[in-house]
Amino acid sequence: MGIESLVIFLVIGAVAGWLAGLLVKGFGFGLVGNIVVGIVGAFIAGWLLPRVGLFIGGGIVGAIINATIGAVILLVLLKLVKR
């Protein structure tokens, strides 16, 4: 993995985490937390979405959408566990 790929990976994670924080009220983790939430969300979406038959296009926009869906799922689960 080159430095460019790593930067793109981190940017996608940050954007997805930020968007998920906006969609799920009450969660704001800062820059590093958003990156972590976005990256974990990308792994969740990469595992879950193909199993339910949902395929979103490729490219950076598709990666951000996938990671955001996964991050929202993660934040909702965290919210349920926190109660």
PDB file of N, CA and C in Angstrom:
ATOM      1  N   MET A   1       0.854  -1.167   0.000  1.00  0.00           N
ATOM      2  CA  MET A   1       0.000   0.000   0.000  1.00  0.00           C
ATOM      3  C   MET A   1       0.901   1.231   0.000  1.00  0.00           C
ATOM      4  N   GLY A   2       0.706   2.076  -0.976  1.00  0.00           N
ATOM      5  CA  GLY A   2       1.493   3.297  -1.082  1.00  0.00           C
ATOM      6  C   GLY A   2       0.948   4.390  -0.184  1.00  0.00           C
ATOM      7  N   ILE A   3       1.688   5.464  -0.099  1.00  0.00           N
ATOM      8  CA  ILE A   3       1.286   6.585   0.754  1.00  0.00           C
ATOM      9  C   ILE A   3       0.001   7.230   0.243  1.00  0.00           C
ATOM     10  N   GLU A   4      -0.181   7.256  -1.085  1.00  0.00           N
ATOM     11  CA  GLU A   4      -1.399   7.837  -1.645  1.00  0.00           C
ATOM     12  C   GLU A   4      -2.626   7.020  -1.250  1.00  0.00           C
ATOM     13  N   SER A   5      -2.493   5.696  -1.293  1.00  0.00           N
ATOM     14  CA  SER A   5      -3.607   4.829  -0.907  1.00  0.00           C
ATOM     15  C   SER A   5      -3.947   4.998   0.564  1.00  0.00           C
ATOM     16  N   LEU A   6      -2.938   5.138   1.388  1.00  0.00           N
ATOM     17  CA  LEU A   6      -3.166   5.322   2.814  1.00  0.00           C
ATOM     18  C   LEU A   6      -3.882   6.644   3.094  1.00  0.00           C
ATOM     19  N   VAL A   7      -3.485   7.700   2.411  1.00  0.00           N
ATOM     20  CA  VAL A   7      -4.135   9.001   2.594  1.00  0.00           C
ATOM     21  C   VAL A   7      -5.591   8.936   2.142  1.00  0.00           C
ATOM     22  N   ILE A   8      -5.852   8.301   1.008  1.00  0.00           N
ATOM     23  CA  ILE A   8      -7.223   8.162   0.521  1.00  0.00           C
ATOM     24  C   ILE A   8      -8.053   7.335   1.498  1.00  0.00           C
ATOM     25  N   PHE A   9      -7.464   6.271   2.025  1.00  0.00           N
ATOM     26  CA  PHE A   9      -8.123   5.419   3.011  1.00  0.00           C
ATOM     27  C   PHE A   9      -8.507   6.224   4.248  1.00  0.00           C
ATOM     28  N   LEU A  10      -7.620   7.060   4.734  1.00  0.00           N
ATOM     29  CA  LEU A  10      -7.884   7.880   5.914  1.00  0.00           C
ATOM     30  C   LEU A  10      -8.923   8.963   5.635  1.00  0.00           C
ATOM     31  N   VAL A  11      -8.867   9.565   4.447  1.00  0.00           N
ATOM     32  CA  VAL A  11      -9.842  10.599   4.088  1.00  0.00           C
ATOM     33  C   VAL A  11     -11.241   9.998   3.975  1.00  0.00           C
ATOM     34  N   ILE A  12     -11.347   8.840   3.343  1.00  0.00           N
ATOM     35  CA  ILE A  12     -12.650   8.177   3.231  1.00  0.00           C
ATOM     36  C   ILE A  12     -13.178   7.825   4.616  1.00  0.00           C
ATOM     37  N   GLY A  13     -12.315   7.325   5.487  1.00  0.00           N
ATOM     38  CA  GLY A  13     -12.733   7.011   6.851  1.00  0.00           C
ATOM     39  C   GLY A  13     -13.192   8.245   7.608  1.00  0.00           C
ATOM     40  N   ALA A  14     -12.463   9.361   7.457  1.00  0.00           N
ATOM     41  CA  ALA A  14     -12.828  10.595   8.155  1.00  0.00           C
ATOM     42  C   ALA A  14     -14.163  11.142   7.660  1.00  0.00           C
ATOM     43  N   VAL A  15     -14.358  11.164   6.356  1.00  0.00           N
ATOM     44  CA  VAL A  15     -15.611  11.675   5.788  1.00  0.00           C
ATOM     45  C   VAL A  15     -16.781  10.781   6.201  1.00  0.00           C
ATOM     46  N   ALA A  16     -16.595   9.464   6.113  1.00  0.00           N
ATOM     47  CA  ALA A  16     -17.672   8.543   6.478  1.00  0.00           C
ATOM     48  C   ALA A  16     -18.004   8.654   7.960  1.00  0.00           C
ATOM     49  N   GLY A  17     -17.014   8.759   8.815  1.00  0.00           N
ATOM     50  CA  GLY A  17     -17.258   8.907  10.241  1.00  0.00           C
ATOM     51  C   GLY A  17     -17.960  10.211  10.571  1.00  0.00           C
ATOM     52  N   TRP A  18     -17.564  11.276   9.893  1.00  0.00           N
ATOM     53  CA  TRP A  18     -18.193  12.581  10.102  1.00  0.00           C
ATOM     54  C   TRP A  18     -19.657  12.548   9.667  1.00  0.00           C
ATOM     55  N   LEU A  19     -19.910  11.976   8.485  1.00  0.00           N
ATOM     56  CA  LEU A  19     -21.294  11.878   8.000  1.00  0.00           C
ATOM     57  C   LEU A  19     -22.140  11.013   8.924  1.00  0.00           C
ATOM     58  N   ALA A  20     -21.590   9.914   9.391  1.00  0.00           N
ATOM     59  CA  ALA A  20     -22.339   9.046  10.298  1.00  0.00           C
ATOM     60  C   ALA A  20     -22.625   9.763  11.608  1.00  0.00           C
ATOM     61  N   GLY A  21     -21.679  10.568  12.084  1.00  0.00           N
ATOM     62  CA  GLY A  21     -21.907  11.349  13.298  1.00  0.00           C
ATOM     63  C   GLY A  21     -23.019  12.364  13.124  1.00  0.00           C
ATOM     64  N   LEU A  22     -23.145  12.912  11.916  1.00  0.00           N
ATOM     65  CA  LEU A  22     -24.239  13.841  11.638  1.00  0.00           C
ATOM     66  C   LEU A  22     -25.587  13.120  11.573  1.00  0.00           C
ATOM     67  N   LEU A  23     -25.578  11.930  10.995  1.00  0.00           N
ATOM     68  CA  LEU A  23     -26.823  11.182  10.826  1.00  0.00           C
ATOM     69  C   LEU A  23     -27.329  10.584  12.135  1.00  0.00           C
ATOM     70  N   VAL A  24     -26.413  10.151  12.981  1.00  0.00           N
ATOM     71  CA  VAL A  24     -26.786   9.574  14.276  1.00  0.00           C
ATOM     72  C   VAL A  24     -26.499  10.641  15.319  1.00  0.00           C
ATOM     73  N   LYS A  25     -27.537  11.265  15.801  1.00  0.00           N
ATOM     74  CA  LYS A  25     -27.389  12.396  16.723  1.00  0.00           C
ATOM     75  C   LYS A  25     -26.730  11.960  18.029  1.00  0.00           C
ATOM     76  N   GLY A  26     -25.922  12.858  18.568  1.00  0.00           N
ATOM     77  CA  GLY A  26     -25.304  12.602  19.861  1.00  0.00           C
ATOM     78  C   GLY A  26     -23.931  11.982  19.794  1.00  0.00           C
ATOM     79  N   PHE A  27     -23.387  11.779  18.605  1.00  0.00           N
ATOM     80  CA  PHE A  27     -22.068  11.191  18.485  1.00  0.00           C
ATOM     81  C   PHE A  27     -21.144  12.122  17.732  1.00  0.00           C
ATOM     82  N   GLY A  28     -20.091  12.537  18.381  1.00  0.00           N
ATOM     83  CA  GLY A  28     -19.028  13.306  17.768  1.00  0.00           C
ATOM     84  C   GLY A  28     -17.734  12.886  18.433  1.00  0.00           C
ATOM     85  N   PHE A  29     -16.837  12.323  17.682  1.00  0.00           N
ATOM     86  CA  PHE A  29     -15.628  11.749  18.256  1.00  0.00           C
ATOM     87  C   PHE A  29     -14.372  12.524  17.914  1.00  0.00           C
ATOM     88  N   GLY A  30     -14.490  13.626  17.204  1.00  0.00           N
ATOM     89  CA  GLY A  30     -13.296  14.335  16.765  1.00  0.00           C
ATOM     90  C   GLY A  30     -12.705  13.677  15.534  1.00  0.00           C
ATOM     91  N   LEU A  31     -11.615  14.222  15.045  1.00  0.00           N
ATOM     92  CA  LEU A  31     -11.030  13.751  13.790  1.00  0.00           C
ATOM     93  C   LEU A  31     -10.564  12.302  13.868  1.00  0.00           C
ATOM     94  N   VAL A  32      -9.790  11.968  14.881  1.00  0.00           N
ATOM     95  CA  VAL A  32      -9.256  10.605  14.993  1.00  0.00           C
ATOM     96  C   VAL A  32     -10.386   9.611  15.228  1.00  0.00           C
ATOM     97  N   GLY A  33     -11.334   9.963  16.081  1.00  0.00           N
ATOM     98  CA  GLY A  33     -12.473   9.084  16.329  1.00  0.00           C
ATOM     99  C   GLY A  33     -13.320   8.875  15.094  1.00  0.00           C
ATOM    100  N   ASN A  34     -13.523   9.935  14.315  1.00  0.00           N
ATOM    101  CA  ASN A  34     -14.288   9.806  13.071  1.00  0.00           C
ATOM    102  C   ASN A  34     -13.581   8.895  12.079  1.00  0.00           C
ATOM    103  N   ILE A  35     -12.271   8.998  12.003  1.00  0.00           N
ATOM    104  CA  ILE A  35     -11.507   8.123  11.102  1.00  0.00           C
ATOM    105  C   ILE A  35     -11.674   6.670  11.528  1.00  0.00           C
ATOM    106  N   VAL A  36     -11.562   6.418  12.831  1.00  0.00           N
ATOM    107  CA  VAL A  36     -11.697   5.046  13.325  1.00  0.00           C
ATOM    108  C   VAL A  36     -13.105   4.523  13.073  1.00  0.00           C
ATOM    109  N   VAL A  37     -14.124   5.331  13.374  1.00  0.00           N
ATOM    110  CA  VAL A  37     -15.510   4.916  13.141  1.00  0.00           C
ATOM    111  C   VAL A  37     -15.739   4.656  11.651  1.00  0.00           C
ATOM    112  N   GLY A  38     -15.205   5.516  10.788  1.00  0.00           N
ATOM    113  CA  GLY A  38     -15.366   5.327   9.345  1.00  0.00           C
ATOM    114  C   GLY A  38     -14.677   4.080   8.827  1.00  0.00           C
ATOM    115  N   ILE A  39     -13.480   3.791   9.329  1.00  0.00           N
ATOM    116  CA  ILE A  39     -12.749   2.605   8.877  1.00  0.00           C
ATOM    117  C   ILE A  39     -13.435   1.337   9.369  1.00  0.00           C
ATOM    118  N   VAL A  40     -13.839   1.321  10.635  1.00  0.00           N
ATOM    119  CA  VAL A  40     -14.565   0.154  11.156  1.00  0.00           C
ATOM    120  C   VAL A  40     -15.891   0.004  10.412  1.00  0.00           C
ATOM    121  N   GLY A  41     -16.545   1.115  10.131  1.00  0.00           N
ATOM    122  CA  GLY A  41     -17.786   1.077   9.367  1.00  0.00           C
ATOM    123  C   GLY A  41     -17.588   0.526   7.964  1.00  0.00           C
ATOM    124  N   ALA A  42     -16.463   0.845   7.354  1.00  0.00           N
ATOM    125  CA  ALA A  42     -16.172   0.314   6.023  1.00  0.00           C
ATOM    126  C   ALA A  42     -16.025  -1.206   6.069  1.00  0.00           C
ATOM    127  N   PHE A  43     -15.388  -1.717   7.114  1.00  0.00           N
ATOM    128  CA  PHE A  43     -15.263  -3.169   7.250  1.00  0.00           C
ATOM    129  C   PHE A  43     -16.621  -3.819   7.505  1.00  0.00           C
ATOM    130  N   ILE A  44     -17.439  -3.186   8.332  1.00  0.00           N
ATOM    131  CA  ILE A  44     -18.782  -3.717   8.601  1.00  0.00           C
ATOM    132  C   ILE A  44     -19.600  -3.748   7.319  1.00  0.00           C
ATOM    133  N   ALA A  45     -19.590  -2.643   6.576  1.00  0.00           N
ATOM    134  CA  ALA A  45     -20.358  -2.579   5.324  1.00  0.00           C
ATOM    135  C   ALA A  45     -19.803  -3.547   4.288  1.00  0.00           C
ATOM    136  N   GLY A  46     -18.497  -3.689   4.233  1.00  0.00           N
ATOM    137  CA  GLY A  46     -17.892  -4.623   3.285  1.00  0.00           C
ATOM    138  C   GLY A  46     -18.276  -6.063   3.553  1.00  0.00           C
ATOM    139  N   TRP A  47     -18.542  -6.373   4.811  1.00  0.00           N
ATOM    140  CA  TRP A  47     -18.959  -7.725   5.165  1.00  0.00           C
ATOM    141  C   TRP A  47     -20.474  -7.902   5.048  1.00  0.00           C
ATOM    142  N   LEU A  48     -21.237  -6.905   5.506  1.00  0.00           N
ATOM    143  CA  LEU A  48     -22.684  -7.054   5.631  1.00  0.00           C
ATOM    144  C   LEU A  48     -23.455  -6.800   4.333  1.00  0.00           C
ATOM    145  N   LEU A  49     -23.113  -5.743   3.622  1.00  0.00           N
ATOM    146  CA  LEU A  49     -23.921  -5.354   2.457  1.00  0.00           C
ATOM    147  C   LEU A  49     -23.966  -6.412   1.355  1.00  0.00           C
ATOM    148  N   PRO A  50     -22.861  -7.055   1.003  1.00  0.00           N
ATOM    149  CA  PRO A  50     -22.984  -8.117  -0.021  1.00  0.00           C
ATOM    150  C   PRO A  50     -23.853  -9.293   0.437  1.00  0.00           C
ATOM    151  N   ARG A  51     -23.890  -9.556   1.735  1.00  0.00           N
ATOM    152  CA  ARG A  51     -24.694 -10.660   2.250  1.00  0.00           C
ATOM    153  C   ARG A  51     -26.196 -10.385   2.153  1.00  0.00           C
ATOM    154  N   VAL A  52     -26.588  -9.116   2.175  1.00  0.00           N
ATOM    155  CA  VAL A  52     -28.006  -8.782   2.023  1.00  0.00           C
ATOM    156  C   VAL A  52     -28.352  -8.415   0.582  1.00  0.00           C
ATOM    157  N   GLY A  53     -27.374  -8.504  -0.307  1.00  0.00           N
ATOM    158  CA  GLY A  53     -27.624  -8.270  -1.725  1.00  0.00           C
ATOM    159  C   GLY A  53     -27.584  -6.825  -2.152  1.00  0.00           C
ATOM    160  N   LEU A  54     -26.965  -5.959  -1.365  1.00  0.00           N
ATOM    161  CA  LEU A  54     -26.888  -4.538  -1.693  1.00  0.00           C
ATOM    162  C   LEU A  54     -25.489  -4.227  -2.224  1.00  0.00           C
ATOM    163  N   PHE A  55     -25.427  -3.761  -3.459  1.00  0.00           N
ATOM    164  CA  PHE A  55     -24.153  -3.427  -4.078  1.00  0.00           C
ATOM    165  C   PHE A  55     -24.187  -1.978  -4.525  1.00  0.00           C
ATOM    166  N   ILE A  56     -23.282  -1.190  -4.005  1.00  0.00           N
ATOM    167  CA  ILE A  56     -23.172   0.217  -4.368  1.00  0.00           C
ATOM    168  C   ILE A  56     -21.950   0.342  -5.260  1.00  0.00           C
ATOM    169  N   GLY A  57     -22.011   1.222  -6.241  1.00  0.00           N
ATOM    170  CA  GLY A  57     -20.953   1.380  -7.223  1.00  0.00           C
ATOM    171  C   GLY A  57     -19.572   1.560  -6.628  1.00  0.00           C
ATOM    172  N   GLY A  58     -18.600   1.502  -7.499  1.00  0.00           N
ATOM    173  CA  GLY A  58     -17.217   1.626  -7.067  1.00  0.00           C
ATOM    174  C   GLY A  58     -16.762   3.072  -7.033  1.00  0.00           C
ATOM    175  N   GLY A  59     -15.498   3.256  -6.871  1.00  0.00           N
ATOM    176  CA  GLY A  59     -14.930   4.587  -6.817  1.00  0.00           C
ATOM    177  C   GLY A  59     -14.961   5.167  -5.421  1.00  0.00           C
ATOM    178  N   ILE A  60     -14.500   6.384  -5.314  1.00  0.00           N
ATOM    179  CA  ILE A  60     -14.406   7.035  -4.011  1.00  0.00           C
ATOM    180  C   ILE A  60     -15.796   7.322  -3.436  1.00  0.00           C
ATOM    181  N   VAL A  61     -16.721   7.774  -4.260  1.00  0.00           N
ATOM    182  CA  VAL A  61     -18.071   8.076  -3.775  1.00  0.00           C
ATOM    183  C   VAL A  61     -18.743   6.804  -3.258  1.00  0.00           C
ATOM    184  N   GLY A  62     -18.617   5.716  -3.988  1.00  0.00           N
ATOM    185  CA  GLY A  62     -19.175   4.442  -3.539  1.00  0.00           C
ATOM    186  C   GLY A  62     -18.536   3.974  -2.244  1.00  0.00           C
ATOM    187  N   ALA A  63     -17.234   4.168  -2.104  1.00  0.00           N
ATOM    188  CA  ALA A  63     -16.544   3.785  -0.871  1.00  0.00           C
ATOM    189  C   ALA A  63     -17.021   4.627   0.305  1.00  0.00           C
ATOM    190  N   ILE A  64     -17.228   5.914   0.081  1.00  0.00           N
ATOM    191  CA  ILE A  64     -17.722   6.785   1.154  1.00  0.00           C
ATOM    192  C   ILE A  64     -19.136   6.378   1.556  1.00  0.00           C
ATOM    193  N   ILE A  65     -19.995   6.074   0.580  1.00  0.00           N
ATOM    194  CA  ILE A  65     -21.361   5.657   0.882  1.00  0.00           C
ATOM    195  C   ILE A  65     -21.361   4.344   1.664  1.00  0.00           C
ATOM    196  N   ASN A  66     -20.562   3.370   1.211  1.00  0.00           N
ATOM    197  CA  ASN A  66     -20.467   2.095   1.925  1.00  0.00           C
ATOM    198  C   ASN A  66     -19.968   2.291   3.346  1.00  0.00           C
ATOM    199  N   ALA A  67     -18.893   3.042   3.501  1.00  0.00           N
ATOM    200  CA  ALA A  67     -18.314   3.259   4.825  1.00  0.00           C
ATOM    201  C   ALA A  67     -19.275   4.024   5.727  1.00  0.00           C
ATOM    202  N   THR A  68     -20.029   4.956   5.165  1.00  0.00           N
ATOM    203  CA  THR A  68     -20.995   5.707   5.958  1.00  0.00           C
ATOM    204  C   THR A  68     -22.119   4.796   6.441  1.00  0.00           C
ATOM    205  N   ILE A  69     -22.611   3.928   5.577  1.00  0.00           N
ATOM    206  CA  ILE A  69     -23.654   2.982   5.986  1.00  0.00           C
ATOM    207  C   ILE A  69     -23.145   2.101   7.120  1.00  0.00           C
ATOM    208  N   GLY A  70     -21.946   1.588   6.977  1.00  0.00           N
ATOM    209  CA  GLY A  70     -21.372   0.756   8.030  1.00  0.00           C
ATOM    210  C   GLY A  70     -21.139   1.525   9.318  1.00  0.00           C
ATOM    211  N   ALA A  71     -20.696   2.776   9.206  1.00  0.00           N
ATOM    212  CA  ALA A  71     -20.456   3.594  10.398  1.00  0.00           C
ATOM    213  C   ALA A  71     -21.760   3.928  11.104  1.00  0.00           C
ATOM    214  N   VAL A  72     -22.828   4.177  10.353  1.00  0.00           N
ATOM    215  CA  VAL A  72     -24.135   4.426  10.961  1.00  0.00           C
ATOM    216  C   VAL A  72     -24.591   3.177  11.718  1.00  0.00           C
ATOM    217  N   ILE A  73     -24.420   2.017  11.117  1.00  0.00           N
ATOM    218  CA  ILE A  73     -24.776   0.764  11.793  1.00  0.00           C
ATOM    219  C   ILE A  73     -23.982   0.630  13.087  1.00  0.00           C
ATOM    220  N   LEU A  74     -22.690   0.915  13.032  1.00  0.00           N
ATOM    221  CA  LEU A  74     -21.842   0.843  14.216  1.00  0.00           C
ATOM    222  C   LEU A  74     -22.306   1.808  15.299  1.00  0.00           C
ATOM    223  N   LEU A  75     -22.605   3.049  14.930  1.00  0.00           N
ATOM    224  CA  LEU A  75     -23.026   4.038  15.914  1.00  0.00           C
ATOM    225  C   LEU A  75     -24.383   3.703  16.518  1.00  0.00           C
ATOM    226  N   VAL A  76     -25.296   3.166  15.721  1.00  0.00           N
ATOM    227  CA  VAL A  76     -26.602   2.760  16.251  1.00  0.00           C
ATOM    228  C   VAL A  76     -26.419   1.611  17.239  1.00  0.00           C
ATOM    229  N   LEU A  77     -25.559   0.653  16.914  1.00  0.00           N
ATOM    230  CA  LEU A  77     -25.288  -0.443  17.841  1.00  0.00           C
ATOM    231  C   LEU A  77     -24.655   0.073  19.126  1.00  0.00           C
ATOM    232  N   LEU A  78     -23.726   1.011  19.014  1.00  0.00           N
ATOM    233  CA  LEU A  78     -23.107   1.596  20.204  1.00  0.00           C
ATOM    234  C   LEU A  78     -24.134   2.331  21.054  1.00  0.00           C
ATOM    235  N   LYS A  79     -25.055   3.022  20.394  1.00  0.00           N
ATOM    236  CA  LYS A  79     -26.102   3.747  21.105  1.00  0.00           C
ATOM    237  C   LYS A  79     -27.021   2.780  21.860  1.00  0.00           C
ATOM    238  N   LEU A  80     -27.337   1.654  21.238  1.00  0.00           N
ATOM    239  CA  LEU A  80     -28.191   0.655  21.888  1.00  0.00           C
ATOM    240  C   LEU A  80     -27.474   0.026  23.082  1.00  0.00           C
ATOM    241  N   VAL A  81     -26.203  -0.260  22.941  1.00  0.00           N
ATOM    242  CA  VAL A  81     -25.436  -0.880  24.020  1.00  0.00           C
ATOM    243  C   VAL A  81     -25.239   0.115  25.166  1.00  0.00           C
ATOM    244  N   LYS A  82     -25.073   1.377  24.834  1.00  0.00           N
ATOM    245  CA  LYS A  82     -24.825   2.397  25.845  1.00  0.00           C
ATOM    246  C   LYS A  82     -26.032   2.621  26.750  1.00  0.00           C
ATOM    247  N   ARG A  83     -27.230   2.398  26.234  1.00  0.00           N
ATOM    248  CA  ARG A  83     -28.446   2.547  27.040  1.00  0.00           C
ATOM    249  C   ARG A  83     -28.431   1.481  28.055  1.00  0.00           C
TER     250      ARG A  83
END
